[in-house]
N, C-alpha and C. Protein backbone atom coordinates (compact mmCIF):
# COMPACT_ATOMS: atom_id res chain seq x y z
N MET A 1 89.20 88.87 128.97
CA MET A 1 89.74 90.19 129.21
C MET A 1 89.20 91.20 128.19
N VAL A 2 89.04 90.81 126.93
CA VAL A 2 88.54 91.72 125.92
C VAL A 2 87.12 92.15 126.24
N ILE A 3 86.29 91.22 126.63
CA ILE A 3 84.91 91.56 126.98
C ILE A 3 84.88 92.55 128.14
N HIS A 4 85.74 92.31 129.14
CA HIS A 4 85.81 93.23 130.27
C HIS A 4 86.22 94.63 129.80
N SER A 5 87.16 94.70 128.85
CA SER A 5 87.61 95.99 128.33
C SER A 5 86.44 96.77 127.74
N TYR A 6 85.64 96.11 126.92
CA TYR A 6 84.49 96.80 126.34
C TYR A 6 83.47 97.16 127.41
N ARG A 7 83.23 96.27 128.35
CA ARG A 7 82.27 96.58 129.42
C ARG A 7 82.74 97.78 130.22
N HIS A 8 84.04 97.83 130.54
CA HIS A 8 84.60 98.95 131.31
C HIS A 8 84.48 100.25 130.52
N ARG A 9 84.79 100.19 129.24
CA ARG A 9 84.74 101.38 128.37
C ARG A 9 83.37 102.03 128.39
N PHE A 10 82.33 101.22 128.48
CA PHE A 10 80.97 101.74 128.46
C PHE A 10 80.36 101.88 129.86
N GLY A 11 81.22 101.79 130.89
CA GLY A 11 80.75 102.00 132.26
C GLY A 11 79.95 100.85 132.84
N LEU A 12 80.12 99.65 132.29
CA LEU A 12 79.36 98.49 132.74
C LEU A 12 80.18 97.55 133.63
N ALA A 13 81.44 97.88 133.87
CA ALA A 13 82.30 97.06 134.72
C ALA A 13 83.17 98.00 135.55
N PRO A 14 83.55 97.58 136.75
CA PRO A 14 84.35 98.45 137.62
C PRO A 14 85.79 98.59 137.13
N ASP A 15 86.46 99.64 137.62
CA ASP A 15 87.88 99.85 137.34
C ASP A 15 88.70 98.75 138.00
N ASP A 16 89.89 98.52 137.46
CA ASP A 16 90.85 97.62 138.08
C ASP A 16 91.79 98.49 138.92
N PRO A 17 91.78 98.34 140.25
CA PRO A 17 92.62 99.18 141.11
C PRO A 17 94.10 99.13 140.75
N ASP A 18 94.57 98.02 140.19
CA ASP A 18 95.98 97.90 139.81
C ASP A 18 96.34 98.81 138.64
N LEU A 19 95.34 99.30 137.92
CA LEU A 19 95.60 100.12 136.74
C LEU A 19 95.29 101.60 136.95
N GLU A 20 94.97 101.98 138.18
CA GLU A 20 94.58 103.37 138.46
C GLU A 20 95.64 104.37 138.07
N ASP A 21 96.92 104.08 138.37
CA ASP A 21 97.99 105.02 138.03
C ASP A 21 98.12 105.17 136.52
N THR A 22 98.04 104.07 135.81
CA THR A 22 98.12 104.12 134.35
C THR A 22 96.94 104.90 133.78
N GLU A 23 95.75 104.65 134.28
CA GLU A 23 94.56 105.37 133.82
C GLU A 23 94.70 106.88 134.07
N ARG A 24 95.23 107.24 135.22
CA ARG A 24 95.41 108.66 135.56
C ARG A 24 96.38 109.31 134.57
N ARG A 25 97.50 108.63 134.28
CA ARG A 25 98.49 109.19 133.36
C ARG A 25 97.93 109.30 131.94
N LEU A 26 97.14 108.34 131.51
CA LEU A 26 96.55 108.40 130.18
C LEU A 26 95.51 109.51 130.07
N THR A 27 94.81 109.79 131.15
CA THR A 27 93.83 110.87 131.16
C THR A 27 94.48 112.21 130.89
N GLU A 28 95.75 112.34 131.29
CA GLU A 28 96.50 113.58 131.04
C GLU A 28 96.84 113.76 129.56
N GLN A 29 96.65 112.73 128.75
CA GLN A 29 96.93 112.71 127.32
C GLN A 29 98.33 113.21 126.99
N PRO A 30 99.34 112.52 127.50
CA PRO A 30 100.71 112.92 127.15
C PRO A 30 100.95 112.68 125.65
N ARG A 31 101.81 113.52 125.06
CA ARG A 31 102.14 113.33 123.64
C ARG A 31 102.86 112.00 123.46
N ILE A 32 102.58 111.37 122.36
CA ILE A 32 103.21 110.10 122.02
C ILE A 32 104.37 110.44 121.09
N ASN A 33 105.59 110.18 121.56
CA ASN A 33 106.78 110.63 120.85
C ASN A 33 107.53 109.50 120.16
N VAL A 34 106.81 108.65 119.48
CA VAL A 34 107.41 107.61 118.65
C VAL A 34 106.70 107.66 117.29
N PRO A 35 107.39 107.28 116.23
CA PRO A 35 106.71 107.26 114.91
C PRO A 35 105.45 106.41 114.97
N THR A 36 104.38 106.91 114.38
CA THR A 36 103.08 106.27 114.50
C THR A 36 102.33 106.27 113.17
N ILE A 37 101.71 105.13 112.88
CA ILE A 37 100.77 105.04 111.76
C ILE A 37 99.44 104.59 112.35
N VAL A 38 98.41 105.38 112.14
CA VAL A 38 97.07 105.03 112.59
C VAL A 38 96.35 104.41 111.40
N LEU A 39 95.84 103.21 111.59
CA LEU A 39 95.04 102.54 110.56
C LEU A 39 93.59 102.54 111.01
N HIS A 40 92.72 102.97 110.13
CA HIS A 40 91.30 103.02 110.46
C HIS A 40 90.51 102.49 109.27
N GLY A 41 89.68 101.50 109.52
CA GLY A 41 88.84 100.95 108.47
C GLY A 41 87.65 101.85 108.19
N SER A 42 87.40 102.12 106.92
CA SER A 42 86.27 103.00 106.56
C SER A 42 84.93 102.37 106.87
N ALA A 43 84.90 101.05 107.01
CA ALA A 43 83.65 100.34 107.30
C ALA A 43 83.61 99.84 108.75
N ASN A 44 84.35 100.52 109.63
CA ASN A 44 84.40 100.13 111.03
C ASN A 44 83.06 100.45 111.69
N GLY A 45 82.33 99.43 112.07
CA GLY A 45 81.03 99.63 112.70
C GLY A 45 81.11 99.81 114.20
N VAL A 46 82.31 99.74 114.76
CA VAL A 46 82.49 99.88 116.21
C VAL A 46 82.96 101.28 116.56
N ILE A 47 83.96 101.77 115.84
CA ILE A 47 84.51 103.10 116.10
C ILE A 47 84.44 103.89 114.79
N PRO A 48 83.69 104.99 114.74
CA PRO A 48 83.53 105.74 113.50
C PRO A 48 84.88 106.24 112.95
N VAL A 49 85.02 106.22 111.65
CA VAL A 49 86.27 106.63 111.01
C VAL A 49 86.63 108.08 111.35
N THR A 50 85.66 108.89 111.60
CA THR A 50 85.91 110.30 111.93
C THR A 50 86.57 110.46 113.31
N SER A 51 86.48 109.44 114.16
CA SER A 51 87.01 109.57 115.52
C SER A 51 88.53 109.74 115.56
N SER A 52 89.25 109.31 114.53
CA SER A 52 90.70 109.44 114.53
C SER A 52 91.18 110.60 113.65
N ALA A 53 90.27 111.35 113.08
CA ALA A 53 90.63 112.39 112.11
C ALA A 53 91.45 113.53 112.70
N ASN A 54 91.26 113.86 113.94
CA ASN A 54 91.93 115.02 114.54
C ASN A 54 92.94 114.66 115.62
N HIS A 55 93.54 113.50 115.51
CA HIS A 55 94.47 113.03 116.55
C HIS A 55 95.91 113.49 116.34
N ARG A 56 96.24 114.08 115.21
CA ARG A 56 97.62 114.47 114.93
C ARG A 56 98.28 115.25 116.06
N PRO A 57 97.61 116.20 116.71
CA PRO A 57 98.26 116.98 117.78
C PRO A 57 98.69 116.13 118.99
N LEU A 58 98.19 114.91 119.09
CA LEU A 58 98.55 114.06 120.22
C LEU A 58 99.91 113.38 120.03
N PHE A 59 100.52 113.57 118.86
CA PHE A 59 101.75 112.87 118.53
C PHE A 59 102.87 113.86 118.29
N GLY A 60 104.05 113.57 118.85
CA GLY A 60 105.19 114.46 118.72
C GLY A 60 106.21 114.01 117.70
N ALA A 61 106.07 112.81 117.18
CA ALA A 61 107.01 112.29 116.18
C ALA A 61 106.27 112.11 114.86
N ALA A 62 106.92 111.46 113.91
CA ALA A 62 106.29 111.22 112.62
C ALA A 62 104.93 110.56 112.82
N TYR A 63 103.95 111.02 112.06
CA TYR A 63 102.58 110.54 112.21
C TYR A 63 101.91 110.45 110.84
N GLU A 64 101.21 109.36 110.64
CA GLU A 64 100.46 109.17 109.41
C GLU A 64 99.16 108.46 109.75
N ARG A 65 98.07 108.90 109.15
CA ARG A 65 96.77 108.26 109.32
C ARG A 65 96.36 107.67 107.97
N ARG A 66 96.06 106.38 107.97
CA ARG A 66 95.62 105.70 106.75
C ARG A 66 94.22 105.16 106.97
N VAL A 67 93.31 105.57 106.12
CA VAL A 67 91.94 105.03 106.15
C VAL A 67 91.87 103.96 105.07
N LEU A 68 91.54 102.76 105.50
CA LEU A 68 91.48 101.62 104.57
C LEU A 68 90.05 101.41 104.10
N ALA A 69 89.85 101.54 102.80
CA ALA A 69 88.51 101.42 102.21
C ALA A 69 87.96 100.01 102.37
N LYS A 70 86.68 99.94 102.70
CA LYS A 70 85.94 98.68 102.80
C LYS A 70 86.53 97.73 103.84
N VAL A 71 87.17 98.28 104.86
CA VAL A 71 87.75 97.47 105.94
C VAL A 71 87.02 97.85 107.22
N GLY A 72 86.76 96.85 108.06
CA GLY A 72 86.03 97.08 109.29
C GLY A 72 86.92 97.28 110.50
N HIS A 73 86.58 96.62 111.59
CA HIS A 73 87.22 96.83 112.89
C HIS A 73 88.45 95.95 113.10
N ASN A 74 88.53 94.81 112.45
CA ASN A 74 89.62 93.86 112.68
C ASN A 74 90.63 93.94 111.54
N LEU A 75 91.44 94.99 111.56
CA LEU A 75 92.37 95.27 110.46
C LEU A 75 93.36 94.14 110.17
N PRO A 76 94.00 93.52 111.15
CA PRO A 76 94.95 92.46 110.82
C PRO A 76 94.31 91.30 110.05
N GLN A 77 93.06 91.03 110.33
CA GLN A 77 92.38 89.93 109.64
C GLN A 77 91.78 90.38 108.31
N GLU A 78 91.22 91.58 108.29
CA GLU A 78 90.52 92.03 107.10
C GLU A 78 91.43 92.65 106.03
N ALA A 79 92.56 93.18 106.46
CA ALA A 79 93.49 93.82 105.52
C ALA A 79 94.93 93.47 105.92
N PRO A 80 95.27 92.18 105.91
CA PRO A 80 96.59 91.76 106.42
C PRO A 80 97.77 92.39 105.68
N LEU A 81 97.65 92.61 104.39
CA LEU A 81 98.78 93.19 103.65
C LEU A 81 98.98 94.66 104.03
N ASP A 82 97.90 95.41 104.12
CA ASP A 82 98.01 96.82 104.55
C ASP A 82 98.53 96.91 105.98
N PHE A 83 98.03 96.04 106.84
CA PHE A 83 98.45 96.03 108.24
C PHE A 83 99.94 95.73 108.36
N SER A 84 100.39 94.65 107.70
CA SER A 84 101.80 94.27 107.80
C SER A 84 102.70 95.32 107.14
N ALA A 85 102.26 95.93 106.05
CA ALA A 85 103.06 96.98 105.41
C ALA A 85 103.26 98.16 106.35
N ALA A 86 102.22 98.53 107.09
CA ALA A 86 102.34 99.63 108.04
C ALA A 86 103.34 99.29 109.14
N VAL A 87 103.24 98.08 109.68
CA VAL A 87 104.17 97.67 110.73
C VAL A 87 105.60 97.64 110.20
N LEU A 88 105.79 97.06 109.05
CA LEU A 88 107.15 96.94 108.49
C LEU A 88 107.74 98.30 108.15
N SER A 89 106.91 99.27 107.80
CA SER A 89 107.44 100.60 107.48
C SER A 89 107.97 101.33 108.70
N LEU A 90 107.61 100.85 109.88
CA LEU A 90 108.07 101.50 111.12
C LEU A 90 109.29 100.84 111.73
N ILE A 91 109.67 99.67 111.19
CA ILE A 91 110.84 98.99 111.79
C ILE A 91 112.02 98.96 110.83
């Protein structure tokens, strides 16, 4: 499923008809109204760290963006303490 997700993201795999309604609603970019912490690794070679810099307007509740130095794309594995601290701070 993960491989299909990446293939779909880059236009290399067809849409899943069962998800069309969800995709349509996400395209509208509704505000996310729950407390949110965005974690982004500064060494992420898949998604540039700048891509999350201007996302604050998409959130209607408490929002924090944390850039983790020398961390790549797999935050739970590469920075487990930072990852778990972020999760625990929201519950």
